[in-house]
Amino acid sequence: MGFREQLLQQAGNSFLANDLNLLAPRIEIQGDRRVIIENHEGILEYGSEVMRVKSGRISVKITGDGLELANVTLNDLTVTGKIISVELL
């Protein structure tokens, strides 16, 4: 049994079990100025008004004004600007 499986077994049905899925996308919206996407798989569309990010089986479409990539790593990215909407496609 691997480390991930041991963690899931110990977490059982607790609220932490859902956070242990290391491959699932996690999206955090901070007000109307920042969106953080963890476990992304790349940028599909990049613009100052629309950004689309691949994350697992879905893509995340962020619409706004003055959108910029503030931080990008292999696992997560941060979009800043005036966020108008965040859609899961």
N, C-alpha and C. Protein backbone atom coordinates (compact mmCIF):
# COMPACT_ATOMS: atom_id res chain seq x y z
N MET A 1 0.85 -1.18 0.00
CA MET A 1 0.00 0.00 0.00
C MET A 1 0.90 1.24 0.00
N GLY A 2 0.62 2.15 -0.92
CA GLY A 2 1.42 3.37 -1.05
C GLY A 2 1.04 4.42 -0.01
N PHE A 3 1.82 5.48 0.01
CA PHE A 3 1.61 6.56 0.97
C PHE A 3 0.24 7.19 0.81
N ARG A 4 -0.16 7.46 -0.44
CA ARG A 4 -1.47 8.09 -0.71
C ARG A 4 -2.61 7.22 -0.19
N GLU A 5 -2.52 5.92 -0.45
CA GLU A 5 -3.56 5.00 0.00
C GLU A 5 -3.63 4.93 1.52
N GLN A 6 -2.47 4.99 2.18
CA GLN A 6 -2.45 4.99 3.65
C GLN A 6 -3.12 6.25 4.19
N LEU A 7 -2.84 7.39 3.58
CA LEU A 7 -3.49 8.64 4.01
C LEU A 7 -5.00 8.56 3.85
N LEU A 8 -5.44 8.07 2.69
CA LEU A 8 -6.88 7.97 2.45
C LEU A 8 -7.55 7.01 3.44
N GLN A 9 -6.89 5.91 3.74
CA GLN A 9 -7.45 4.94 4.69
C GLN A 9 -7.56 5.55 6.08
N GLN A 10 -6.55 6.29 6.51
CA GLN A 10 -6.58 6.92 7.83
C GLN A 10 -7.60 8.05 7.89
N ALA A 11 -7.78 8.76 6.79
CA ALA A 11 -8.74 9.88 6.78
C ALA A 11 -10.17 9.36 6.81
N GLY A 12 -10.41 8.19 6.21
CA GLY A 12 -11.75 7.61 6.22
C GLY A 12 -12.76 8.54 5.61
N ASN A 13 -13.85 8.77 6.31
CA ASN A 13 -14.92 9.63 5.83
C ASN A 13 -14.84 11.05 6.39
N SER A 14 -13.71 11.40 6.94
CA SER A 14 -13.58 12.74 7.51
C SER A 14 -13.57 13.79 6.41
N PHE A 15 -13.72 15.04 6.80
CA PHE A 15 -13.72 16.14 5.83
C PHE A 15 -12.37 16.27 5.13
N LEU A 16 -11.31 15.70 5.67
CA LEU A 16 -9.99 15.78 5.05
C LEU A 16 -9.83 14.83 3.88
N ALA A 17 -10.66 13.82 3.79
CA ALA A 17 -10.50 12.81 2.74
C ALA A 17 -10.58 13.42 1.35
N ASN A 18 -11.46 14.38 1.13
CA ASN A 18 -11.58 15.00 -0.19
C ASN A 18 -10.35 15.80 -0.55
N ASP A 19 -9.68 16.40 0.41
CA ASP A 19 -8.48 17.20 0.13
C ASP A 19 -7.27 16.33 -0.17
N LEU A 20 -7.34 15.04 0.11
CA LEU A 20 -6.19 14.16 -0.11
C LEU A 20 -6.10 13.66 -1.54
N ASN A 21 -7.08 13.94 -2.37
CA ASN A 21 -7.00 13.57 -3.77
C ASN A 21 -6.05 14.55 -4.45
N LEU A 22 -4.79 14.15 -4.56
CA LEU A 22 -3.75 15.05 -5.01
C LEU A 22 -3.85 15.40 -6.49
N LEU A 23 -4.65 14.67 -7.26
CA LEU A 23 -4.78 14.94 -8.69
C LEU A 23 -5.98 15.82 -9.01
N ALA A 24 -6.88 15.98 -8.07
CA ALA A 24 -8.08 16.77 -8.31
C ALA A 24 -7.73 18.26 -8.34
N PRO A 25 -8.37 19.01 -9.22
CA PRO A 25 -8.12 20.45 -9.24
C PRO A 25 -8.69 21.11 -7.99
N ARG A 26 -8.00 22.12 -7.54
CA ARG A 26 -8.49 22.92 -6.41
C ARG A 26 -8.45 24.37 -6.84
N ILE A 27 -9.59 25.04 -6.71
CA ILE A 27 -9.72 26.41 -7.16
C ILE A 27 -10.08 27.28 -5.97
N GLU A 28 -9.29 28.31 -5.75
CA GLU A 28 -9.53 29.24 -4.65
C GLU A 28 -9.76 30.63 -5.25
N ILE A 29 -10.90 31.22 -4.90
CA ILE A 29 -11.24 32.56 -5.39
C ILE A 29 -11.12 33.51 -4.22
N GLN A 30 -10.28 34.53 -4.38
CA GLN A 30 -10.07 35.50 -3.31
C GLN A 30 -10.67 36.83 -3.76
N GLY A 31 -11.90 37.07 -3.33
CA GLY A 31 -12.60 38.30 -3.69
C GLY A 31 -12.80 38.39 -5.18
N ASP A 32 -12.68 39.59 -5.73
CA ASP A 32 -12.82 39.76 -7.17
C ASP A 32 -11.49 40.15 -7.80
N ARG A 33 -10.38 39.78 -7.15
CA ARG A 33 -9.06 40.18 -7.64
C ARG A 33 -8.06 39.04 -7.86
N ARG A 34 -8.38 37.82 -7.41
CA ARG A 34 -7.38 36.75 -7.51
C ARG A 34 -8.05 35.38 -7.58
N VAL A 35 -7.54 34.52 -8.48
CA VAL A 35 -7.97 33.12 -8.56
C VAL A 35 -6.71 32.27 -8.56
N ILE A 36 -6.69 31.27 -7.68
CA ILE A 36 -5.56 30.34 -7.59
C ILE A 36 -6.06 28.96 -8.00
N ILE A 37 -5.38 28.35 -8.95
CA ILE A 37 -5.76 27.01 -9.42
C ILE A 37 -4.59 26.08 -9.15
N GLU A 38 -4.85 25.07 -8.32
CA GLU A 38 -3.83 24.06 -8.01
C GLU A 38 -4.08 22.83 -8.87
N ASN A 39 -3.04 22.11 -9.19
CA ASN A 39 -3.08 20.90 -10.01
C ASN A 39 -3.54 21.18 -11.43
N HIS A 40 -3.08 22.27 -12.02
CA HIS A 40 -3.43 22.59 -13.40
C HIS A 40 -2.57 21.77 -14.35
N GLU A 41 -3.03 21.69 -15.60
CA GLU A 41 -2.32 20.93 -16.63
C GLU A 41 -1.94 21.80 -17.81
N GLY A 42 -2.05 23.10 -17.67
CA GLY A 42 -1.63 23.99 -18.74
C GLY A 42 -2.65 25.07 -19.05
N ILE A 43 -2.19 26.06 -19.78
CA ILE A 43 -3.02 27.20 -20.15
C ILE A 43 -3.56 26.97 -21.55
N LEU A 44 -4.88 27.01 -21.71
CA LEU A 44 -5.52 26.79 -23.00
C LEU A 44 -5.76 28.09 -23.76
N GLU A 45 -6.03 29.15 -23.05
CA GLU A 45 -6.30 30.45 -23.66
C GLU A 45 -5.76 31.53 -22.73
N TYR A 46 -5.09 32.52 -23.32
CA TYR A 46 -4.49 33.57 -22.50
C TYR A 46 -4.83 34.93 -23.10
N GLY A 47 -5.46 35.78 -22.31
CA GLY A 47 -5.77 37.13 -22.75
C GLY A 47 -6.09 38.01 -21.56
N SER A 48 -6.18 39.30 -21.79
CA SER A 48 -6.45 40.21 -20.68
C SER A 48 -7.92 40.19 -20.25
N GLU A 49 -8.80 39.57 -21.07
CA GLU A 49 -10.22 39.50 -20.72
C GLU A 49 -10.71 38.08 -20.47
N VAL A 50 -10.02 37.08 -21.04
CA VAL A 50 -10.43 35.68 -20.86
C VAL A 50 -9.18 34.81 -20.72
N MET A 51 -9.22 33.92 -19.73
CA MET A 51 -8.19 32.89 -19.58
C MET A 51 -8.88 31.56 -19.37
N ARG A 52 -8.35 30.53 -20.01
CA ARG A 52 -8.85 29.17 -19.80
C ARG A 52 -7.68 28.29 -19.41
N VAL A 53 -7.90 27.48 -18.37
CA VAL A 53 -6.85 26.63 -17.81
C VAL A 53 -7.36 25.21 -17.76
N LYS A 54 -6.57 24.25 -18.24
CA LYS A 54 -6.91 22.83 -18.16
C LYS A 54 -6.57 22.33 -16.79
N SER A 55 -7.52 21.61 -16.18
CA SER A 55 -7.30 21.08 -14.84
C SER A 55 -8.10 19.80 -14.68
N GLY A 56 -7.43 18.67 -14.84
CA GLY A 56 -8.13 17.39 -14.76
C GLY A 56 -9.07 17.22 -15.94
N ARG A 57 -10.28 16.76 -15.66
CA ARG A 57 -11.26 16.55 -16.72
C ARG A 57 -12.02 17.81 -17.09
N ILE A 58 -11.73 18.90 -16.43
CA ILE A 58 -12.45 20.14 -16.70
C ILE A 58 -11.48 21.22 -17.15
N SER A 59 -12.05 22.29 -17.68
CA SER A 59 -11.26 23.49 -17.90
C SER A 59 -11.94 24.61 -17.11
N VAL A 60 -11.13 25.54 -16.66
CA VAL A 60 -11.60 26.65 -15.86
C VAL A 60 -11.50 27.91 -16.73
N LYS A 61 -12.63 28.58 -16.93
CA LYS A 61 -12.66 29.80 -17.72
C LYS A 61 -12.83 30.99 -16.78
N ILE A 62 -11.86 31.89 -16.84
CA ILE A 62 -11.88 33.09 -16.00
C ILE A 62 -12.10 34.28 -16.91
N THR A 63 -13.14 35.06 -16.62
CA THR A 63 -13.46 36.24 -17.41
C THR A 63 -13.27 37.46 -16.53
N GLY A 64 -12.71 38.53 -17.10
CA GLY A 64 -12.50 39.74 -16.32
C GLY A 64 -11.86 40.84 -17.13
N ASP A 65 -11.28 41.79 -16.44
CA ASP A 65 -10.57 42.91 -17.06
C ASP A 65 -9.16 42.98 -16.49
N GLY A 66 -8.19 43.20 -17.36
CA GLY A 66 -6.80 43.33 -16.93
C GLY A 66 -6.26 42.06 -16.31
N LEU A 67 -6.66 40.90 -16.83
CA LEU A 67 -6.20 39.63 -16.26
C LEU A 67 -4.73 39.42 -16.58
N GLU A 68 -4.00 38.90 -15.60
CA GLU A 68 -2.58 38.60 -15.73
C GLU A 68 -2.25 37.33 -14.96
N LEU A 69 -1.24 36.61 -15.43
CA LEU A 69 -0.71 35.50 -14.67
C LEU A 69 0.31 36.06 -13.69
N ALA A 70 0.00 36.00 -12.42
CA ALA A 70 0.88 36.56 -11.40
C ALA A 70 1.92 35.55 -10.95
N ASN A 71 1.57 34.27 -11.03
CA ASN A 71 2.48 33.22 -10.57
C ASN A 71 2.14 31.94 -11.30
N VAL A 72 3.16 31.24 -11.81
CA VAL A 72 2.94 29.97 -12.48
C VAL A 72 4.05 29.01 -12.06
N THR A 73 3.63 27.84 -11.56
CA THR A 73 4.58 26.76 -11.29
C THR A 73 4.06 25.52 -11.99
N LEU A 74 4.75 24.40 -11.82
CA LEU A 74 4.28 23.16 -12.44
C LEU A 74 2.94 22.72 -11.87
N ASN A 75 2.64 23.08 -10.63
CA ASN A 75 1.42 22.60 -9.96
C ASN A 75 0.32 23.63 -9.84
N ASP A 76 0.66 24.90 -9.73
CA ASP A 76 -0.39 25.88 -9.52
C ASP A 76 -0.11 27.17 -10.27
N LEU A 77 -1.16 27.95 -10.42
CA LEU A 77 -1.03 29.26 -11.05
C LEU A 77 -1.99 30.24 -10.40
N THR A 78 -1.66 31.52 -10.52
CA THR A 78 -2.47 32.58 -9.94
C THR A 78 -2.81 33.59 -11.02
N VAL A 79 -4.10 33.88 -11.15
CA VAL A 79 -4.58 34.89 -12.09
C VAL A 79 -5.06 36.09 -11.27
N THR A 80 -4.59 37.28 -11.63
CA THR A 80 -5.01 38.49 -10.94
C THR A 80 -5.65 39.44 -11.94
N GLY A 81 -6.34 40.43 -11.44
CA GLY A 81 -7.06 41.40 -12.24
C GLY A 81 -8.46 41.55 -11.69
N LYS A 82 -9.34 42.20 -12.41
CA LYS A 82 -10.73 42.32 -12.02
C LYS A 82 -11.48 41.08 -12.48
N ILE A 83 -11.80 40.18 -11.56
CA ILE A 83 -12.46 38.91 -11.89
C ILE A 83 -13.96 39.14 -11.97
N ILE A 84 -14.53 38.81 -13.12
CA ILE A 84 -15.98 38.95 -13.31
C ILE A 84 -16.68 37.61 -13.11
N SER A 85 -16.10 36.52 -13.67
CA SER A 85 -16.72 35.22 -13.51
C SER A 85 -15.67 34.11 -13.59
N VAL A 86 -16.00 32.98 -12.96
CA VAL A 86 -15.19 31.78 -13.03
C VAL A 86 -16.15 30.64 -13.38
N GLU A 87 -15.90 29.99 -14.52
CA GLU A 87 -16.78 28.92 -14.98
C GLU A 87 -16.01 27.62 -15.07
N LEU A 88 -16.68 26.52 -14.73
CA LEU A 88 -16.12 25.18 -14.90
C LEU A 88 -16.75 24.58 -16.14
N LEU A 89 -15.93 24.24 -17.12
CA LEU A 89 -16.44 23.72 -18.39
C LEU A 89 -16.06 22.27 -18.57
